[in-house]
Amino acid sequence: MINTEAARDFQAKERKYKEQLRRCLSSALSADLNRLLQEELEADVSLYAGSGSVRAHRAVLLARAPHILHGQTHKDPIVIHLPGYDLPTLKDFL
């Protein structure tokens, strides 16, 4: 039979490992999203800001900046014009 102190120790270790796993998975997901933004491979959206453009993934935009997709007024769903942004600021924001 497990005494209450051993049970508490076990529960504390379990919480610690769950939190560690959560941080690890969060870090991996963040790194994956950053890689997708940087590589621009198979990107499905073009963001136009200032005098340039950047290619992005709709899924990444939905995760990081969903308001960008909601304000879309252009008829082409793969082209999004963002007046008021300059390209370096947009890249830093994303």
N, C-alpha and C. Protein backbone atom coordinates (compact mmCIF):
# COMPACT_ATOMS: atom_id res chain seq x y z
N MET A 1 0.84 -1.17 0.00
CA MET A 1 0.00 0.00 0.00
C MET A 1 0.89 1.24 0.00
N ILE A 2 0.54 2.19 -0.82
CA ILE A 2 1.32 3.42 -0.95
C ILE A 2 0.83 4.42 0.09
N ASN A 3 1.78 4.97 0.84
CA ASN A 3 1.36 5.97 1.83
C ASN A 3 1.12 7.32 1.13
N THR A 4 0.49 8.23 1.84
CA THR A 4 0.09 9.51 1.24
C THR A 4 1.28 10.37 0.83
N GLU A 5 2.36 10.31 1.55
CA GLU A 5 3.54 11.11 1.19
C GLU A 5 4.13 10.63 -0.13
N ALA A 6 4.20 9.32 -0.31
CA ALA A 6 4.72 8.77 -1.57
C ALA A 6 3.77 9.12 -2.72
N ALA A 7 2.49 9.09 -2.46
CA ALA A 7 1.51 9.44 -3.49
C ALA A 7 1.66 10.90 -3.90
N ARG A 8 1.86 11.80 -2.91
CA ARG A 8 2.06 13.22 -3.22
C ARG A 8 3.33 13.43 -4.03
N ASP A 9 4.39 12.73 -3.65
CA ASP A 9 5.65 12.84 -4.40
C ASP A 9 5.47 12.38 -5.84
N PHE A 10 4.75 11.28 -6.01
CA PHE A 10 4.49 10.77 -7.35
C PHE A 10 3.69 11.78 -8.17
N GLN A 11 2.65 12.38 -7.58
CA GLN A 11 1.83 13.37 -8.28
C GLN A 11 2.64 14.62 -8.62
N ALA A 12 3.52 15.04 -7.74
CA ALA A 12 4.36 16.20 -8.01
C ALA A 12 5.30 15.92 -9.18
N LYS A 13 5.89 14.73 -9.21
CA LYS A 13 6.76 14.35 -10.33
C LYS A 13 5.97 14.29 -11.63
N GLU A 14 4.76 13.75 -11.56
CA GLU A 14 3.92 13.66 -12.75
C GLU A 14 3.60 15.05 -13.30
N ARG A 15 3.24 16.01 -12.44
CA ARG A 15 2.96 17.38 -12.87
C ARG A 15 4.20 18.02 -13.49
N LYS A 16 5.35 17.76 -12.87
CA LYS A 16 6.61 18.32 -13.37
C LYS A 16 6.90 17.80 -14.77
N TYR A 17 6.75 16.52 -15.00
CA TYR A 17 7.02 15.93 -16.32
C TYR A 17 6.00 16.39 -17.36
N LYS A 18 4.76 16.53 -16.97
CA LYS A 18 3.74 17.03 -17.90
C LYS A 18 4.05 18.46 -18.33
N GLU A 19 4.46 19.29 -17.39
CA GLU A 19 4.81 20.67 -17.71
C GLU A 19 6.05 20.72 -18.60
N GLN A 20 7.01 19.87 -18.34
CA GLN A 20 8.22 19.80 -19.16
C GLN A 20 7.87 19.38 -20.58
N LEU A 21 7.00 18.39 -20.72
CA LEU A 21 6.55 17.94 -22.04
C LEU A 21 5.80 19.05 -22.75
N ARG A 22 4.93 19.77 -22.05
CA ARG A 22 4.17 20.86 -22.63
C ARG A 22 5.11 21.95 -23.18
N ARG A 23 6.13 22.31 -22.40
CA ARG A 23 7.10 23.32 -22.85
C ARG A 23 7.87 22.83 -24.07
N CYS A 24 8.25 21.57 -24.08
CA CYS A 24 9.00 20.98 -25.19
C CYS A 24 8.16 21.00 -26.47
N LEU A 25 6.91 20.57 -26.37
CA LEU A 25 6.02 20.56 -27.54
C LEU A 25 5.73 21.97 -28.02
N SER A 26 5.54 22.90 -27.11
CA SER A 26 5.31 24.29 -27.48
C SER A 26 6.50 24.86 -28.22
N SER A 27 7.68 24.56 -27.74
CA SER A 27 8.91 25.03 -28.39
C SER A 27 9.04 24.43 -29.79
N ALA A 28 8.76 23.15 -29.93
CA ALA A 28 8.85 22.49 -31.23
C ALA A 28 7.84 23.07 -32.21
N LEU A 29 6.62 23.32 -31.77
CA LEU A 29 5.61 23.91 -32.64
C LEU A 29 6.01 25.31 -33.08
N SER A 30 6.51 26.10 -32.16
CA SER A 30 6.97 27.45 -32.49
C SER A 30 8.09 27.40 -33.51
N ALA A 31 9.03 26.49 -33.34
CA ALA A 31 10.15 26.35 -34.29
C ALA A 31 9.64 25.93 -35.66
N ASP A 32 8.66 25.03 -35.70
CA ASP A 32 8.08 24.61 -36.99
C ASP A 32 7.39 25.76 -37.70
N LEU A 33 6.63 26.57 -36.96
CA LEU A 33 5.95 27.71 -37.57
C LEU A 33 6.96 28.73 -38.08
N ASN A 34 8.02 28.97 -37.32
CA ASN A 34 9.08 29.89 -37.77
C ASN A 34 9.75 29.38 -39.04
N ARG A 35 10.01 28.08 -39.10
CA ARG A 35 10.64 27.50 -40.29
C ARG A 35 9.74 27.66 -41.51
N LEU A 36 8.45 27.43 -41.35
CA LEU A 36 7.52 27.61 -42.47
C LEU A 36 7.52 29.04 -42.96
N LEU A 37 7.56 30.00 -42.04
CA LEU A 37 7.60 31.40 -42.45
C LEU A 37 8.90 31.74 -43.17
N GLN A 38 10.01 31.25 -42.69
CA GLN A 38 11.30 31.58 -43.27
C GLN A 38 11.50 30.95 -44.64
N GLU A 39 11.09 29.70 -44.80
CA GLU A 39 11.36 28.99 -46.05
C GLU A 39 10.44 29.40 -47.18
N GLU A 40 9.23 29.79 -46.89
CA GLU A 40 8.24 30.19 -47.89
C GLU A 40 7.98 29.11 -48.93
N LEU A 41 8.32 27.86 -48.63
CA LEU A 41 8.06 26.76 -49.56
C LEU A 41 6.58 26.41 -49.52
N GLU A 42 6.01 26.23 -50.67
CA GLU A 42 4.60 25.89 -50.81
C GLU A 42 3.68 26.86 -50.06
N ALA A 43 4.10 28.11 -49.99
CA ALA A 43 3.26 29.14 -49.37
C ALA A 43 2.03 29.35 -50.23
N ASP A 44 0.91 29.62 -49.59
CA ASP A 44 -0.34 29.76 -50.33
C ASP A 44 -0.96 31.15 -50.26
N VAL A 45 -0.24 32.11 -49.67
CA VAL A 45 -0.75 33.48 -49.54
C VAL A 45 0.41 34.44 -49.80
N SER A 46 0.12 35.53 -50.50
CA SER A 46 1.10 36.60 -50.69
C SER A 46 0.61 37.84 -49.96
N LEU A 47 1.46 38.35 -49.07
CA LEU A 47 1.14 39.57 -48.33
C LEU A 47 1.90 40.72 -48.97
N TYR A 48 1.18 41.75 -49.37
CA TYR A 48 1.80 42.92 -49.98
C TYR A 48 1.74 44.07 -48.99
N ALA A 49 2.93 44.60 -48.68
CA ALA A 49 3.02 45.70 -47.73
C ALA A 49 4.09 46.66 -48.24
N GLY A 50 3.76 47.94 -48.27
CA GLY A 50 4.73 48.92 -48.75
C GLY A 50 5.09 48.63 -50.19
N SER A 51 6.38 48.50 -50.46
CA SER A 51 6.83 48.28 -51.84
C SER A 51 7.23 46.84 -52.11
N GLY A 52 6.94 45.93 -51.21
CA GLY A 52 7.34 44.54 -51.40
C GLY A 52 6.27 43.56 -50.98
N SER A 53 6.66 42.31 -51.05
CA SER A 53 5.71 41.26 -50.66
C SER A 53 6.46 40.13 -49.94
N VAL A 54 5.72 39.35 -49.23
CA VAL A 54 6.26 38.17 -48.55
C VAL A 54 5.24 37.06 -48.72
N ARG A 55 5.76 35.86 -48.97
CA ARG A 55 4.88 34.70 -49.09
C ARG A 55 4.71 34.07 -47.72
N ALA A 56 3.52 33.56 -47.44
CA ALA A 56 3.23 32.97 -46.14
C ALA A 56 2.26 31.81 -46.31
N HIS A 57 2.05 31.11 -45.24
CA HIS A 57 1.10 30.00 -45.21
C HIS A 57 -0.15 30.44 -44.46
N ARG A 58 -1.27 30.17 -45.04
CA ARG A 58 -2.54 30.55 -44.42
C ARG A 58 -2.67 29.97 -43.00
N ALA A 59 -2.22 28.74 -42.81
CA ALA A 59 -2.30 28.11 -41.48
C ALA A 59 -1.45 28.86 -40.46
N VAL A 60 -0.26 29.32 -40.88
CA VAL A 60 0.60 30.07 -39.97
C VAL A 60 -0.05 31.40 -39.63
N LEU A 61 -0.64 32.05 -40.64
CA LEU A 61 -1.32 33.32 -40.39
C LEU A 61 -2.51 33.14 -39.46
N LEU A 62 -3.24 32.06 -39.64
CA LEU A 62 -4.37 31.80 -38.74
C LEU A 62 -3.90 31.59 -37.31
N ALA A 63 -2.72 30.98 -37.15
CA ALA A 63 -2.19 30.73 -35.81
C ALA A 63 -1.59 31.98 -35.18
N ARG A 64 -0.90 32.78 -35.99
CA ARG A 64 -0.15 33.91 -35.43
C ARG A 64 -0.85 35.25 -35.56
N ALA A 65 -1.59 35.45 -36.63
CA ALA A 65 -2.21 36.76 -36.87
C ALA A 65 -3.52 36.60 -37.63
N PRO A 66 -4.53 36.02 -37.01
CA PRO A 66 -5.79 35.76 -37.72
C PRO A 66 -6.49 37.03 -38.21
N HIS A 67 -6.24 38.16 -37.54
CA HIS A 67 -6.89 39.41 -37.96
C HIS A 67 -6.46 39.84 -39.35
N ILE A 68 -5.29 39.41 -39.81
CA ILE A 68 -4.83 39.75 -41.16
C ILE A 68 -5.75 39.12 -42.20
N LEU A 69 -6.15 37.89 -41.97
CA LEU A 69 -7.01 37.20 -42.94
C LEU A 69 -8.45 37.70 -42.86
N HIS A 70 -8.89 38.15 -41.71
CA HIS A 70 -10.28 38.61 -41.58
C HIS A 70 -10.51 39.96 -42.26
N GLY A 71 -9.48 40.77 -42.39
CA GLY A 71 -9.62 42.08 -43.02
C GLY A 71 -9.39 42.05 -44.51
N GLN A 72 -9.37 40.89 -45.08
CA GLN A 72 -9.06 40.72 -46.50
C GLN A 72 -10.17 41.31 -47.37
N THR A 73 -9.78 42.24 -48.25
CA THR A 73 -10.77 42.88 -49.12
C THR A 73 -10.51 42.61 -50.60
N HIS A 74 -9.38 42.05 -50.95
CA HIS A 74 -9.03 41.78 -52.34
C HIS A 74 -9.84 40.59 -52.84
N LYS A 75 -10.17 40.59 -54.13
CA LYS A 75 -10.98 39.51 -54.69
C LYS A 75 -10.22 38.19 -54.77
N ASP A 76 -8.91 38.26 -54.92
CA ASP A 76 -8.09 37.06 -55.01
C ASP A 76 -7.74 36.59 -53.60
N PRO A 77 -8.15 35.38 -53.21
CA PRO A 77 -7.92 34.93 -51.82
C PRO A 77 -6.46 34.65 -51.50
N ILE A 78 -5.59 34.61 -52.51
CA ILE A 78 -4.18 34.37 -52.21
C ILE A 78 -3.36 35.66 -52.17
N VAL A 79 -3.99 36.79 -52.42
CA VAL A 79 -3.31 38.08 -52.37
C VAL A 79 -3.95 38.92 -51.28
N ILE A 80 -3.13 39.38 -50.35
CA ILE A 80 -3.63 40.22 -49.26
C ILE A 80 -2.80 41.49 -49.21
N HIS A 81 -3.45 42.62 -49.42
CA HIS A 81 -2.79 43.92 -49.35
C HIS A 81 -2.95 44.46 -47.93
N LEU A 82 -1.84 44.92 -47.39
CA LEU A 82 -1.84 45.44 -46.02
C LEU A 82 -1.34 46.89 -46.01
N PRO A 83 -2.24 47.83 -46.27
CA PRO A 83 -1.81 49.23 -46.23
C PRO A 83 -1.45 49.62 -44.80
N GLY A 84 -0.47 50.48 -44.66
CA GLY A 84 -0.08 50.91 -43.34
C GLY A 84 1.06 50.08 -42.75
N TYR A 85 1.45 49.02 -43.42
CA TYR A 85 2.59 48.20 -42.99
C TYR A 85 3.73 48.41 -43.95
N ASP A 86 4.96 48.39 -43.45
CA ASP A 86 6.10 48.30 -44.35
C ASP A 86 6.64 46.87 -44.22
N LEU A 87 7.36 46.43 -45.24
CA LEU A 87 7.76 45.04 -45.32
C LEU A 87 8.62 44.57 -44.14
N PRO A 88 9.65 45.30 -43.72
CA PRO A 88 10.45 44.82 -42.57
C PRO A 88 9.62 44.69 -41.29
N THR A 89 8.72 45.64 -41.07
CA THR A 89 7.86 45.58 -39.87
C THR A 89 6.94 44.37 -39.94
N LEU A 90 6.41 44.10 -41.11
CA LEU A 90 5.52 42.94 -41.30
C LEU A 90 6.26 41.63 -41.03
N LYS A 91 7.48 41.52 -41.55
CA LYS A 91 8.27 40.29 -41.33
C LYS A 91 8.57 40.13 -39.83
N ASP A 92 8.92 41.22 -39.16
CA ASP A 92 9.19 41.14 -37.73
C ASP A 92 7.93 40.75 -36.96
N PHE A 93 6.80 41.30 -37.38
CA PHE A 93 5.52 41.01 -36.71
C PHE A 93 5.17 39.53 -36.83
N LEU A 94 5.35 39.00 -38.04
CA LEU A 94 5.02 37.59 -38.27
C LEU A 94 6.03 36.69 -37.58
